[in-house]
Amino acid sequence: QVQLVESGGGLVQAGGSLRLSCAASGRIFSINTMGWYRQAPGKQRELVALISSAGSTNYADSVKGRFTISRDNAKNTVYLQMNSLKPEETAVYYCYLDPTYWGQGTQVTVSS
């Protein structure tokens, strides 16, 4: 059984920064793509960023240049550095591990 544990969410003012972490544990035989999605109230879950085991990245257009995804394969951990945060980015951020694993979510609130 695979578990994903997120940390690092919280309250920040617009323009501020937060760093999210997600540690994977359990029966992990190979580390595939990991990443982050978010879901704002009343909206669908959307992709934020993905990173392959080789380090290739993919970002939503709305976060390019402000967010950076990285990973530590030895620790089975993925990170999301979020800078210049905007109030509309208030959401629950979910860690994702390919193919079907999700974390419990961590709340990010950006005040104006």
Protein backbone atom coordinates (compact mmCIF):
# COMPACT_ATOMS: atom_id res chain seq x y z
CA GLN A 1 0.00 0.00 0.00
CA VAL A 2 1.32 3.41 -1.00
CA GLN A 3 0.95 6.47 1.18
CA LEU A 4 1.58 10.09 0.29
CA VAL A 5 1.99 12.58 3.10
CA GLU A 6 1.95 16.28 2.28
CA SER A 7 3.17 19.18 4.36
CA GLY A 8 3.91 22.86 4.01
CA GLY A 9 0.52 24.39 3.34
CA GLY A 10 -0.76 27.41 5.21
CA LEU A 11 -1.76 31.04 5.04
CA VAL A 12 0.33 33.55 3.13
CA GLN A 13 -0.19 37.06 1.83
CA ALA A 14 -0.39 37.76 -1.88
CA GLY A 15 3.09 37.89 -3.34
CA GLY A 16 4.44 35.56 -0.71
CA SER A 17 5.96 32.11 -0.95
CA LEU A 18 5.31 28.62 0.33
CA ARG A 19 7.06 25.30 -0.13
CA LEU A 20 5.07 22.09 -0.22
CA SER A 21 6.56 18.66 0.40
CA CYS A 22 5.18 15.20 -0.27
CA ALA A 23 6.80 12.00 0.94
CA ALA A 24 5.82 8.66 -0.57
CA SER A 25 6.09 5.43 1.39
CA GLY A 26 4.91 1.87 1.20
CA ARG A 27 5.16 -0.71 -1.53
CA ILE A 28 6.87 1.44 -4.11
CA PHE A 29 8.64 -0.71 -6.67
CA SER A 30 9.53 2.07 -9.02
CA ILE A 31 9.22 5.80 -8.77
CA ASN A 32 7.27 7.18 -11.65
CA THR A 33 5.99 10.64 -12.35
CA MET A 34 5.07 12.67 -9.29
CA GLY A 35 3.43 16.01 -9.09
CA TRP A 36 0.90 18.42 -7.72
CA TYR A 37 -2.69 19.24 -8.52
CA ARG A 38 -4.99 21.75 -6.86
CA GLN A 39 -8.70 22.17 -6.37
CA ALA A 40 -10.34 25.45 -5.49
CA PRO A 41 -13.86 25.58 -4.01
CA GLY A 42 -16.45 24.92 -6.68
CA LYS A 43 -13.85 24.12 -9.32
CA GLN A 44 -12.39 20.99 -10.85
CA ARG A 45 -9.04 19.62 -9.81
CA GLU A 46 -6.33 20.97 -12.09
CA LEU A 47 -2.74 20.19 -12.86
CA VAL A 48 -0.10 22.41 -11.29
CA ALA A 49 3.15 20.63 -12.10
CA LEU A 50 4.58 17.18 -12.82
CA ILE A 51 8.11 15.79 -12.68
CA SER A 52 9.35 12.48 -14.05
CA SER A 53 11.86 10.23 -12.31
CA ALA A 54 14.47 11.60 -14.72
CA GLY A 55 13.64 15.18 -13.79
CA SER A 56 11.61 16.29 -16.78
CA THR A 57 9.00 18.83 -15.75
CA ASN A 58 5.64 20.03 -16.95
CA TYR A 59 3.86 23.11 -15.59
CA ALA A 60 0.46 24.67 -15.96
CA ASP A 61 0.81 27.87 -17.96
CA SER A 62 -0.55 29.90 -15.06
CA VAL A 63 2.35 28.96 -12.76
CA LYS A 64 5.30 28.97 -15.16
CA GLY A 65 8.09 31.19 -13.93
CA ARG A 66 6.72 31.32 -10.38
CA PHE A 67 6.50 27.69 -9.23
CA THR A 68 9.30 25.14 -9.25
CA ILE A 69 8.82 21.41 -8.83
CA SER A 70 11.70 19.19 -7.75
CA ARG A 71 12.20 15.74 -6.31
CA ASP A 72 14.60 13.68 -4.23
CA ASN A 73 14.39 10.10 -5.50
CA ALA A 74 16.45 8.77 -2.59
CA LYS A 75 13.81 10.11 -0.21
CA ASN A 76 10.82 9.44 -2.47
CA THR A 77 9.88 13.06 -1.95
CA VAL A 78 8.58 15.75 -4.28
CA TYR A 79 8.60 19.48 -3.56
CA LEU A 80 6.76 22.48 -4.90
CA GLN A 81 8.27 25.92 -4.36
CA MET A 82 5.57 28.52 -4.92
CA ASN A 83 6.55 32.16 -5.29
CA SER A 84 4.53 35.30 -6.03
CA LEU A 85 1.35 33.61 -4.90
CA LYS A 86 -1.99 35.07 -5.92
CA PRO A 87 -5.32 35.03 -4.03
CA GLU A 88 -6.94 33.03 -6.82
CA GLU A 89 -4.46 30.24 -6.11
CA THR A 90 -6.15 29.51 -2.83
CA ALA A 91 -6.97 25.82 -3.00
CA VAL A 92 -6.32 22.39 -1.61
CA TYR A 93 -3.11 21.13 -3.13
CA TYR A 94 -2.84 17.39 -3.73
CA CYS A 95 0.27 15.32 -4.22
CA TYR A 96 0.13 12.77 -7.01
CA LEU A 97 2.15 9.64 -7.74
CA ASP A 98 1.68 7.88 -11.03
CA PRO A 99 -0.48 5.99 -11.82
CA THR A 100 -3.29 6.44 -9.31
CA TYR A 101 -2.05 7.55 -5.91
CA TRP A 102 -3.12 10.77 -4.18
CA GLY A 103 -2.28 12.49 -0.95
CA GLN A 104 -4.89 13.77 1.46
CA GLY A 105 -4.36 17.37 0.39
CA THR A 106 -2.94 20.42 2.08
CA GLN A 107 -4.69 23.78 2.24
CA VAL A 108 -3.02 26.82 0.74
CA THR A 109 -4.71 30.14 1.44
CA VAL A 110 -3.46 33.33 -0.17
CA SER A 111 -4.86 36.51 1.33
CA SER A 112 -5.18 39.75 -0.62
